[in-house]
Amino acid sequence: MKKNKKIIIIVLGIIALLSAALAVVLALPSNKQITSSDNETLTIYDKEGLMPEAISVKNDSGEYELLGYFFNQPSSVSESSDEESSHSMSDGTDIVYTMQDHPEYKLDKEITDQLVNTCQKLYAKEIIDKSGKKYKEYGLDEPKGSYSVRYSDATELKIEIGSFAPGNKGIYVKVDGDENVYLVDSYDLSAFFIEKLQLFDKHMTGSIDEVLGFTISGEGYEEEISVTENIYHCYQAMYIIEKPSRVACDDDASKAVYSGVQSLKGESVAAIDVTPDDLAKYGLDKPYQKVSVRGKGGQSINVLTSEADNDGIIYTMTEGSSMICTIKKSENSWHGITRFDLLQDSVISVLPAEVQQLSTVIGSDKNTCIIEREQFMAGDNENETITVKCGDKIIPYTNITIFLNDLTQLSRTLELPDDISGFKDKLLEIDLKYYNYPELNDNIKLMRNSAGKTLIILNGTAECCVNSEKADKIIEQAKSIYTSPKMSSAF
């Protein structure tokens, strides 16, 4: 009898131990993906290697769904994959994602990659609650967001996103079908809070290898500025302004325009499927500025912009596009650039070797020099003789080169005055003609007002004011061309 009692006690003890073990097992998270202990990093799910075929997201900006399809299979991986929109899987497969309601728009690769990576694997910092009864405490009774994923193996997953934990410790989430509340690093889910519009690719323009020229126009400009590649070797510049009047461009300024609108990327997306109301709202129905860049192969880039607002934000789009983006004034020096900004520091910069004729008018005194060049062979070497004639008089060619070089040192010191009617005193007029470009004729006038300021008029267009003291030296030098056997530089 005693022996039977002892056996019964042992059996009851074993049953008690098994019951305790079962209770522990039942208390563990019901999601079979959860691993590790409550005090270590937990894997909520691991779908590595599976393709997220559909990703549905709900956040404060609304709801959207991304659909994925194969760009190429692992067996035919190619370098031609569209890097702007494809996501590379671990096996080398490229997946392209589009937004279901807007399949014509590319998506932002960086954001898409982050979304897909999170859909493949998510970790928890800890399990906060296992009761399934405190969802309101964690903002999970009415989740602020959620995402659902359908994978290539036909499995589905839904994550509900609740409140942020105090002290920026993370964010509370719940897995559909699992009562537990998990604490997840906020960064891991940050892509799911991004506004729907910002998922679209913000690359607005491509690039042109060989730029032929560009034009600038719009509500911010009284007249169109037309810039073209400089084909005249008499001017020292890569590009020249053809309209409203011919003048050489500063190389850095012209490059800032044509390179600035190439490979242009928006800061954010303001609108898609643009309507006339959108154009009016963002100041693009009557653009403040339009920049059109032309390539030698017939390519073109046409960018429309609004005026910058008080925060330096500009709304912009490519002509004919259905997307409006924002850019920052501080990062786009080409925006609002003026004709004056495009010009070289020198009022005129010509190569003396290209000048065939120089005429000057000072008061009633007018003189014209003709520069004659004659090539001849001296043994195996080609030489050149230069003769400068002013009527019947031969004058030193050195005087011409010094004068023309000094003329290029007349720098723009002030922008064009609002009123130029007071510049009535013509101090000096210069005409230049060129050997290889008989169609060109540059006319420069130095005009002065009663206040002693000197204005430059180039080819009929008032350009700017220059230093009057330097202008006076140029005028004296112009007189010396014909009278001095060999004059010195004015500066």
Protein backbone atom coordinates (compact mmCIF):
# COMPACT_ATOMS: atom_id res chain seq x y z
CA MET A 1 0.00 0.00 0.00
CA LYS A 2 2.79 2.37 0.95
CA LYS A 3 4.53 1.51 -2.30
CA ASN A 4 1.39 2.38 -4.33
CA LYS A 5 1.09 5.72 -2.53
CA LYS A 6 4.69 6.50 -3.38
CA ILE A 7 4.11 5.72 -7.06
CA ILE A 8 1.00 7.90 -7.08
CA ILE A 9 2.95 10.80 -5.54
CA ILE A 10 5.70 10.45 -8.18
CA VAL A 11 3.15 10.37 -11.01
CA LEU A 12 1.38 13.43 -9.63
CA GLY A 13 4.73 15.25 -9.41
CA ILE A 14 5.51 14.44 -13.02
CA ILE A 15 2.06 15.65 -14.08
CA ALA A 16 2.61 18.91 -12.14
CA LEU A 17 5.95 19.47 -13.86
CA LEU A 18 4.44 18.80 -17.28
CA SER A 19 1.57 21.18 -16.53
CA ALA A 20 3.99 23.92 -15.51
CA ALA A 21 6.01 23.38 -18.68
CA LEU A 22 2.84 23.51 -20.77
CA ALA A 23 1.82 26.78 -19.10
CA VAL A 24 5.18 28.32 -20.01
CA VAL A 25 4.84 27.19 -23.62
CA LEU A 26 1.31 28.59 -23.86
CA ALA A 27 2.51 31.94 -22.50
CA LEU A 28 5.09 32.30 -25.28
CA PRO A 29 4.21 34.46 -28.37
CA SER A 30 1.81 32.70 -30.69
CA ASN A 31 3.68 34.00 -33.80
CA LYS A 32 5.95 31.14 -34.80
CA GLN A 33 8.40 33.63 -36.39
CA ILE A 34 9.37 35.02 -32.97
CA THR A 35 12.77 33.80 -31.77
CA SER A 36 15.20 34.53 -28.93
CA SER A 37 14.23 35.76 -25.45
CA ASP A 38 12.30 38.78 -24.25
CA ASN A 39 15.55 40.52 -23.33
CA GLU A 40 17.22 40.15 -26.72
CA THR A 41 16.45 41.23 -30.29
CA LEU A 42 13.44 39.34 -31.59
CA THR A 43 12.73 38.46 -35.19
CA ILE A 44 9.06 39.26 -35.83
CA TYR A 45 9.21 37.80 -39.33
CA ASP A 46 11.86 36.69 -41.79
CA LYS A 47 10.85 36.49 -45.45
CA GLU A 48 14.34 36.82 -46.88
CA GLY A 49 14.46 35.53 -50.45
CA LEU A 50 10.73 35.88 -51.03
CA MET A 51 9.49 38.54 -53.40
CA PRO A 52 6.94 40.97 -51.91
CA GLU A 53 4.48 40.91 -54.83
CA ALA A 54 2.08 43.45 -53.35
CA ILE A 55 2.64 46.00 -50.57
CA SER A 56 -0.41 47.88 -49.28
CA VAL A 57 0.27 50.85 -47.02
CA LYS A 58 -2.02 53.08 -44.98
CA ASN A 59 -0.71 56.24 -43.29
CA ASP A 60 -1.75 59.84 -42.63
CA SER A 61 -1.44 60.75 -46.33
CA GLY A 62 -3.85 58.03 -47.45
CA GLU A 63 -3.58 54.54 -48.85
CA TYR A 64 -1.57 53.13 -51.71
CA GLU A 65 -0.47 49.77 -53.07
CA LEU A 66 2.82 48.86 -54.72
CA LEU A 67 2.95 45.98 -57.16
CA GLY A 68 6.18 44.17 -58.03
CA TYR A 69 7.10 42.32 -61.18
CA PHE A 70 10.27 40.70 -62.47
CA PHE A 71 12.60 42.98 -64.41
CA ASN A 72 14.87 40.00 -65.07
CA GLN A 73 15.28 36.46 -63.79
CA PRO A 74 18.41 35.27 -61.92
CA SER A 75 19.48 33.23 -64.95
CA SER A 76 19.58 36.31 -67.14
CA VAL A 77 20.89 39.00 -64.83
CA SER A 78 21.94 41.97 -66.95
CA GLU A 79 23.71 45.26 -66.37
CA SER A 80 20.88 46.90 -68.30
CA SER A 81 18.56 46.79 -65.28
CA ASP A 82 16.76 50.04 -64.68
CA GLU A 83 18.65 51.24 -61.62
CA GLU A 84 16.21 54.10 -61.08
CA SER A 85 13.29 51.81 -60.26
CA SER A 86 14.39 48.21 -59.73
CA HIS A 87 15.08 46.41 -56.46
CA SER A 88 17.77 43.70 -56.48
CA MET A 89 16.91 40.53 -54.61
CA SER A 90 19.57 38.42 -52.87
CA ASP A 91 19.54 35.89 -55.72
CA GLY A 92 20.29 38.55 -58.32
CA THR A 93 16.71 38.95 -59.52
CA ASP A 94 15.65 42.53 -60.25
CA ILE A 95 12.12 43.50 -59.23
CA VAL A 96 10.42 46.66 -60.50
CA TYR A 97 7.72 48.25 -58.35
CA THR A 98 4.97 50.58 -59.50
CA MET A 99 2.09 52.22 -57.67
CA GLN A 100 -1.13 50.52 -58.66
CA ASP A 101 -3.13 53.73 -59.20
CA HIS A 102 -0.23 55.51 -60.96
CA PRO A 103 1.74 52.92 -62.95
CA GLU A 104 3.06 55.55 -65.38
CA TYR A 105 5.26 57.12 -62.70
CA LYS A 106 8.59 55.70 -61.60
CA LEU A 107 9.11 55.27 -57.88
CA ASP A 108 11.91 56.60 -55.73
CA LYS A 109 14.45 53.77 -55.61
CA GLU A 110 15.82 54.59 -52.15
CA ILE A 111 12.38 54.62 -50.54
CA THR A 112 11.24 51.53 -52.45
CA ASP A 113 14.34 49.63 -51.36
CA GLN A 114 13.68 50.55 -47.75
CA LEU A 115 10.04 49.42 -47.98
CA VAL A 116 10.96 46.11 -49.60
CA ASN A 117 13.78 45.43 -47.13
CA THR A 118 11.42 46.00 -44.20
CA CYS A 119 8.82 43.71 -45.77
CA GLN A 120 11.42 40.95 -45.91
CA LYS A 121 12.58 41.13 -42.32
CA LEU A 122 11.53 42.98 -39.16
CA TYR A 123 13.01 42.88 -35.67
CA ALA A 124 11.47 43.83 -32.34
CA LYS A 125 13.37 45.36 -29.47
CA GLU A 126 11.11 43.62 -26.97
CA ILE A 127 7.64 42.26 -26.35
CA ILE A 128 5.72 44.91 -24.40
CA ASP A 129 2.46 43.16 -23.69
CA LYS A 130 1.12 39.62 -24.15
CA SER A 131 -2.37 40.04 -22.74
CA GLY A 132 -4.13 41.12 -25.92
CA LYS A 133 -6.22 43.52 -23.81
CA LYS A 134 -4.21 46.77 -23.67
CA TYR A 135 -4.17 47.85 -27.30
CA LYS A 136 -5.57 51.31 -26.48
CA GLU A 137 -2.54 52.06 -24.31
CA TYR A 138 -0.29 51.51 -27.30
CA GLY A 139 -2.41 53.20 -29.97
CA LEU A 140 -3.30 49.88 -31.51
CA ASP A 141 -7.06 50.04 -30.93
CA GLU A 142 -7.16 52.53 -33.82
CA PRO A 143 -3.75 52.13 -35.52
CA LYS A 144 -2.23 55.24 -37.08
CA GLY A 145 -0.92 53.12 -39.91
CA SER A 146 -0.52 49.66 -41.27
CA TYR A 147 1.02 47.67 -44.08
CA SER A 148 0.09 44.39 -45.67
CA VAL A 149 2.32 42.21 -47.82
CA ARG A 150 1.60 39.36 -50.18
CA TYR A 151 4.66 37.27 -50.95
CA SER A 152 5.66 35.16 -53.93
CA ASP A 153 4.89 31.97 -51.92
CA ALA A 154 1.24 33.14 -51.56
CA THR A 155 1.63 33.90 -47.83
CA GLU A 156 0.31 37.18 -46.46
CA LEU A 157 1.27 39.39 -43.55
CA LYS A 158 -0.27 42.46 -41.94
CA ILE A 159 1.42 44.81 -39.47
CA GLU A 160 -0.53 47.45 -37.55
CA ILE A 161 1.41 50.49 -36.36
CA GLY A 162 0.47 52.21 -33.11
CA SER A 163 1.89 55.03 -30.99
CA PHE A 164 5.47 56.10 -30.46
CA ALA A 165 6.95 54.93 -27.18
CA PRO A 166 8.02 57.59 -24.62
CA GLY A 167 11.59 58.82 -24.83
CA ASN A 168 11.92 57.99 -28.53
CA LYS A 169 12.44 54.36 -27.61
CA GLY A 170 10.56 53.09 -30.63
CA ILE A 171 7.06 52.43 -31.91
CA TYR A 172 4.46 49.85 -30.93
CA VAL A 173 3.29 47.33 -33.51
CA LYS A 174 1.04 44.32 -33.70
CA VAL A 175 1.10 41.41 -36.14
CA ASP A 176 -2.26 40.27 -37.48
CA GLY A 177 -3.16 37.00 -35.80
CA ASP A 178 -0.79 37.62 -32.88
CA GLU A 179 -2.04 39.21 -29.63
CA ASN A 180 1.41 40.45 -28.55
CA VAL A 181 2.46 44.11 -28.68
CA TYR A 182 6.03 44.62 -29.89
CA LEU A 183 8.38 47.58 -29.58
CA VAL A 184 10.19 48.24 -32.87
CA ASP A 185 12.89 50.77 -33.71
CA SER A 186 11.09 53.73 -35.33
CA TYR A 187 13.70 53.98 -38.09
CA ASP A 188 12.89 50.46 -39.28
CA LEU A 189 9.35 51.58 -40.14
CA SER A 190 10.11 55.16 -41.23
CA ALA A 191 9.49 54.45 -44.94
CA PHE A 192 5.88 53.52 -44.16
CA PHE A 193 5.21 57.01 -42.79
CA ILE A 194 6.41 58.80 -45.93
CA GLU A 195 3.69 60.76 -47.69
CA LYS A 196 2.33 59.01 -50.75
CA LEU A 197 3.47 61.72 -53.19
CA GLN A 198 7.06 61.46 -51.99
CA LEU A 199 7.31 57.85 -53.17
CA PHE A 200 7.50 59.02 -56.77
CA ASP A 201 10.87 59.38 -58.45
CA LYS A 202 11.99 63.01 -58.34
CA HIS A 203 14.51 62.88 -61.18
CA MET A 204 13.10 65.44 -63.57
CA THR A 205 15.53 65.74 -66.47
CA GLY A 206 18.20 63.79 -68.28
CA SER A 207 21.45 65.16 -69.66
CA ILE A 208 22.84 66.39 -72.97
CA ASP A 209 26.40 65.53 -73.93
CA GLU A 210 27.01 68.44 -76.31
CA VAL A 211 25.10 71.62 -75.51
CA LEU A 212 24.46 73.87 -78.48
CA GLY A 213 22.91 76.66 -76.46
CA PHE A 214 20.01 77.71 -74.27
CA THR A 215 17.32 80.34 -73.93
CA ILE A 216 15.89 81.99 -70.82
CA SER A 217 12.49 83.65 -70.80
CA GLY A 218 9.36 84.01 -68.68
CA GLU A 219 7.41 86.48 -66.59
CA GLY A 220 10.59 87.48 -64.77
CA TYR A 221 12.24 88.67 -68.01
CA GLU A 222 11.41 91.64 -70.21
CA GLU A 223 12.86 89.85 -73.23
CA GLU A 224 14.22 86.43 -74.09
CA ILE A 225 17.91 85.78 -73.55
CA SER A 226 19.33 83.56 -76.28
CA VAL A 227 22.74 81.96 -75.71
CA THR A 228 24.58 79.83 -78.25
CA GLU A 229 27.90 78.08 -78.58
CA ASN A 230 30.62 80.52 -79.59
CA ILE A 231 31.74 79.77 -83.14
CA TYR A 232 33.61 83.06 -83.50
CA HIS A 233 37.29 82.70 -82.61
CA CYS A 234 37.56 86.46 -82.19
CA TYR A 235 35.70 86.18 -78.84
CA GLN A 236 37.29 84.53 -75.83
CA ALA A 237 34.34 82.55 -74.47
CA MET A 238 32.61 79.17 -74.74
CA TYR A 239 29.18 80.74 -75.31
CA ILE A 240 27.86 84.09 -76.46
CA ILE A 241 24.56 85.87 -76.01
CA GLU A 242 22.97 86.40 -79.44
CA LYS A 243 19.80 88.15 -78.26
CA PRO A 244 18.96 90.81 -77.25
CA SER A 245 22.47 91.78 -78.41
CA ARG A 246 25.72 89.94 -79.10
CA VAL A 247 28.17 89.70 -76.22
CA ALA A 248 30.45 87.02 -74.75
CA CYS A 249 29.29 84.98 -71.74
CA ASP A 250 31.21 84.18 -68.60
CA ASP A 251 32.12 80.47 -68.87
CA ASP A 252 31.17 79.65 -65.27
CA ALA A 253 27.83 81.47 -65.51
CA SER A 254 26.77 79.80 -68.75
CA LYS A 255 27.79 76.40 -67.41
CA ALA A 256 25.74 77.00 -64.26
CA VAL A 257 22.63 77.32 -66.42
CA TYR A 258 22.98 74.41 -68.83
CA SER A 259 24.43 72.00 -66.25
CA GLY A 260 21.98 73.11 -63.55
CA VAL A 261 18.88 72.05 -65.46
CA GLN A 262 20.43 68.76 -66.53
CA SER A 263 19.94 65.73 -64.25
CA LEU A 264 17.70 67.96 -62.15
CA LYS A 265 16.17 66.26 -59.12
CA GLY A 266 13.32 67.67 -57.09
CA GLU A 267 13.48 68.10 -53.34
CA SER A 268 9.88 66.92 -52.97
CA VAL A 269 6.80 66.21 -55.10
CA ALA A 270 4.11 68.88 -54.90
CA ALA A 271 1.57 67.39 -57.33
CA ILE A 272 1.04 64.64 -59.89
CA ASP A 273 -1.56 64.35 -62.65
CA VAL A 274 -1.22 68.11 -62.88
CA THR A 275 -4.36 70.13 -63.66
CA PRO A 276 -4.73 73.79 -64.73
CA ASP A 277 -5.65 74.54 -61.11
CA ASP A 278 -2.36 73.01 -59.96
CA LEU A 279 -0.43 75.15 -62.45
CA ALA A 280 -2.10 78.28 -61.13
CA LYS A 281 -1.64 77.22 -57.50
CA TYR A 282 2.11 76.72 -57.90
CA GLY A 283 2.78 79.69 -60.19
CA LEU A 284 3.43 77.65 -63.30
CA ASP A 285 0.49 78.75 -65.45
CA LYS A 286 2.61 81.81 -66.24
CA PRO A 287 6.12 80.63 -65.34
CA TYR A 288 8.50 83.09 -63.76
CA GLN A 289 11.31 81.44 -65.72
CA LYS A 290 11.62 79.01 -68.58
CA VAL A 291 15.02 77.54 -69.42
CA SER A 292 15.37 75.60 -72.66
CA VAL A 293 18.66 73.79 -73.27
CA ARG A 294 19.38 72.54 -76.79
CA GLY A 295 21.75 69.75 -77.77
CA LYS A 296 23.66 69.32 -81.02
CA GLY A 297 21.83 66.07 -81.66
CA GLY A 298 18.41 67.73 -81.50
CA GLN A 299 17.76 66.89 -77.83
CA SER A 300 16.18 69.50 -75.61
CA ILE A 301 15.38 70.06 -71.94
CA ASN A 302 12.65 72.57 -71.06
CA VAL A 303 12.24 73.50 -67.41
CA LEU A 304 9.53 75.80 -66.02
CA THR A 305 9.84 77.43 -62.61
CA SER A 306 7.88 79.66 -60.27
CA GLU A 307 9.38 82.59 -58.44
CA ALA A 308 11.06 81.61 -55.18
CA ASP A 309 8.82 82.07 -52.12
CA ASN A 310 9.90 83.65 -48.84
CA ASP A 311 11.49 80.37 -47.76
CA GLY A 312 13.49 80.07 -50.96
CA ILE A 313 11.29 77.25 -52.30
CA ILE A 314 10.74 77.04 -56.06
CA TYR A 315 8.07 74.98 -57.80
CA THR A 316 9.25 73.46 -61.03
CA MET A 317 8.32 71.01 -63.76
CA THR A 318 9.49 70.01 -67.19
CA GLU A 319 7.35 71.30 -70.03
CA GLY A 320 4.62 68.79 -70.85
CA SER A 321 5.18 66.84 -67.63
CA SER A 322 2.40 65.79 -65.26
CA MET A 323 4.48 66.22 -62.08
CA ILE A 324 5.42 69.34 -60.13
CA CYS A 325 8.40 69.24 -57.76
CA THR A 326 10.07 71.67 -55.40
CA ILE A 327 13.71 72.73 -55.45
CA LYS A 328 15.70 75.12 -53.28
CA LYS A 329 16.84 78.52 -54.53
CA SER A 330 20.05 78.20 -52.52
CA GLU A 331 21.05 75.06 -54.42
CA ASN A 332 20.15 76.25 -57.94
CA SER A 333 22.13 79.33 -58.92
CA TRP A 334 20.66 79.27 -62.44
CA HIS A 335 17.21 80.18 -61.16
CA GLY A 336 16.43 83.83 -61.87
CA ILE A 337 19.83 84.40 -63.48
CA THR A 338 19.90 87.66 -65.44
CA ARG A 339 21.66 88.73 -68.60
CA PHE A 340 23.99 90.80 -66.45
CA ASP A 341 24.85 87.69 -64.39
CA LEU A 342 25.77 85.83 -67.57
CA LEU A 343 28.27 88.38 -68.81
CA GLN A 344 32.03 88.31 -68.51
CA ASP A 345 33.71 90.70 -66.12
CA SER A 346 35.27 92.44 -69.14
CA VAL A 347 32.89 94.54 -71.18
CA ILE A 348 34.45 93.19 -74.35
CA SER A 349 37.09 90.52 -74.79
CA VAL A 350 38.51 90.03 -78.29
CA LEU A 351 41.66 88.47 -79.68
CA PRO A 352 43.85 91.19 -81.25
CA ALA A 353 45.08 88.71 -83.88
CA GLU A 354 41.51 88.45 -85.25
CA VAL A 355 40.96 92.20 -85.66
CA GLN A 356 41.25 93.43 -89.25
CA GLN A 357 40.00 96.98 -88.83
CA LEU A 358 39.90 99.39 -85.92
CA SER A 359 38.09 102.72 -86.08
CA THR A 360 37.92 105.32 -83.31
CA VAL A 361 35.93 108.53 -82.96
CA ILE A 362 36.92 111.08 -80.30
CA GLY A 363 34.90 114.24 -80.61
CA SER A 364 35.19 115.19 -84.28
CA ASP A 365 38.45 113.27 -84.73
CA LYS A 366 37.88 109.99 -86.60
CA ASN A 367 40.61 107.50 -87.53
CA THR A 368 40.59 104.05 -89.10
CA CYS A 369 43.39 101.51 -89.04
CA ILE A 370 43.59 98.60 -91.49
CA ILE A 371 45.71 95.64 -90.35
CA GLU A 372 47.21 93.74 -93.25
CA ARG A 373 48.75 90.30 -92.73
CA GLU A 374 50.90 88.51 -95.26
CA GLN A 375 52.25 85.00 -94.85
CA PHE A 376 55.51 83.88 -96.42
CA MET A 377 57.92 80.98 -96.16
CA ALA A 378 61.42 81.46 -94.77
CA GLY A 379 63.07 78.14 -95.39
CA ASP A 380 60.88 75.53 -93.71
CA ASN A 381 59.16 78.06 -91.47
CA GLU A 382 55.97 79.99 -92.15
CA ASN A 383 56.24 83.62 -91.12
CA GLU A 384 53.96 86.60 -91.22
CA THR A 385 54.40 90.31 -91.80
CA ILE A 386 51.88 92.72 -90.28
CA THR A 387 51.36 96.20 -91.60
CA VAL A 388 49.03 98.71 -89.97
CA LYS A 389 47.87 101.56 -92.18
CA CYS A 390 45.99 104.63 -91.08
CA GLY A 391 45.38 106.41 -94.37
CA ASP A 392 48.84 106.86 -95.87
CA LYS A 393 50.52 106.53 -92.50
CA ILE A 394 52.12 103.33 -91.17
CA ILE A 395 51.74 102.93 -87.41
CA PRO A 396 53.16 100.32 -84.99
CA TYR A 397 51.08 97.15 -84.63
CA THR A 398 52.20 97.07 -81.00
CA ASN A 399 49.98 100.11 -80.36
CA ILE A 400 46.94 98.18 -81.62
CA THR A 401 47.57 95.10 -79.47
CA ILE A 402 48.23 97.16 -76.34
CA PHE A 403 45.06 99.17 -76.88
CA LEU A 404 42.88 96.11 -77.50
CA ASN A 405 44.33 94.25 -74.51
CA ASP A 406 43.74 97.25 -72.27
CA LEU A 407 40.23 97.64 -73.62
CA THR A 408 39.39 94.18 -72.22
CA GLN A 409 40.35 95.45 -68.76
CA LEU A 410 37.36 97.76 -68.67
CA SER A 411 35.44 95.77 -66.09
CA ARG A 412 31.77 95.97 -65.22
CA THR A 413 31.60 97.81 -61.92
CA LEU A 414 27.91 98.61 -61.60
CA GLU A 415 24.68 97.25 -63.01
CA LEU A 416 22.85 99.27 -65.59
CA PRO A 417 21.33 102.45 -64.09
CA ASP A 418 17.54 102.68 -64.18
CA ASP A 419 17.73 105.92 -66.16
CA ILE A 420 20.36 106.24 -68.90
CA SER A 421 18.90 109.31 -70.58
CA GLY A 422 21.44 111.55 -68.85
CA PHE A 423 24.44 109.91 -70.56
CA LYS A 424 24.69 112.34 -73.46
CA ASP A 425 28.41 113.07 -73.71
CA LYS A 426 30.08 110.60 -76.10
CA LEU A 427 33.72 110.30 -75.04
CA LEU A 428 34.84 107.54 -77.40
CA GLU A 429 33.37 105.31 -80.09
CA ILE A 430 35.15 102.18 -81.30
CA ASP A 431 34.35 99.94 -84.29
CA LEU A 432 35.95 96.52 -84.75
CA LYS A 433 35.88 94.29 -87.82
CA TYR A 434 37.40 90.82 -88.13
CA TYR A 435 39.36 88.80 -90.72
CA ASN A 436 37.46 85.54 -90.61
CA TYR A 437 34.03 86.92 -89.79
CA PRO A 438 33.17 89.73 -92.23
CA GLU A 439 29.55 89.60 -91.04
CA LEU A 440 30.56 90.78 -87.56
CA ASN A 441 30.99 94.36 -86.51
CA ASP A 442 31.37 95.35 -82.85
CA ASN A 443 30.56 98.92 -81.85
CA ILE A 444 31.52 100.25 -78.41
CA LYS A 445 30.58 103.68 -77.07
CA LEU A 446 31.76 105.29 -73.84
CA MET A 447 29.15 107.79 -72.66
CA ARG A 448 29.24 110.11 -69.64
CA ASN A 449 26.62 111.94 -67.61
CA SER A 450 26.81 115.15 -65.60
CA ALA A 451 27.64 113.19 -62.43
CA GLY A 452 30.85 111.90 -64.01
CA LYS A 453 29.72 108.28 -64.42
CA THR A 454 30.71 106.39 -67.56
CA LEU A 455 28.32 104.09 -69.40
CA ILE A 456 29.25 101.43 -71.95
CA ILE A 457 26.97 100.85 -74.93
CA LEU A 458 27.85 97.67 -76.86
CA ASN A 459 26.26 97.03 -80.25
CA GLY A 460 23.43 99.40 -79.45
CA THR A 461 22.69 97.98 -76.00
CA ALA A 462 23.50 99.87 -72.81
CA GLU A 463 25.54 97.31 -70.83
CA CYS A 464 26.79 98.81 -67.58
CA CYS A 465 28.89 101.48 -65.98
CA VAL A 466 32.69 101.24 -65.76
CA ASN A 467 35.35 102.96 -63.71
CA SER A 468 35.55 106.50 -65.11
CA GLU A 469 39.25 106.89 -64.31
CA LYS A 470 40.09 103.77 -66.33
CA ALA A 471 37.78 104.92 -69.12
CA ASP A 472 39.71 108.22 -69.32
CA LYS A 473 42.99 106.29 -69.67
CA ILE A 474 41.51 104.25 -72.53
CA ILE A 475 40.43 107.46 -74.27
CA GLU A 476 43.92 108.96 -73.97
CA GLN A 477 45.36 105.71 -75.22
CA ALA A 478 43.03 105.77 -78.24
CA LYS A 479 44.51 109.13 -79.18
CA SER A 480 48.06 107.79 -78.84
CA ILE A 481 47.52 104.90 -81.28
CA TYR A 482 48.17 107.19 -84.21
CA THR A 483 50.68 109.60 -82.66
CA SER A 484 53.00 107.53 -80.51
CA PRO A 485 55.86 105.55 -82.11
CA LYS A 486 55.34 102.94 -79.36
CA MET A 487 52.88 103.53 -76.55
CA SER A 488 52.72 101.91 -73.09
CA SER A 489 49.85 100.13 -71.40
CA ALA A 490 47.33 102.41 -69.77
CA PHE A 491 47.23 100.27 -66.61
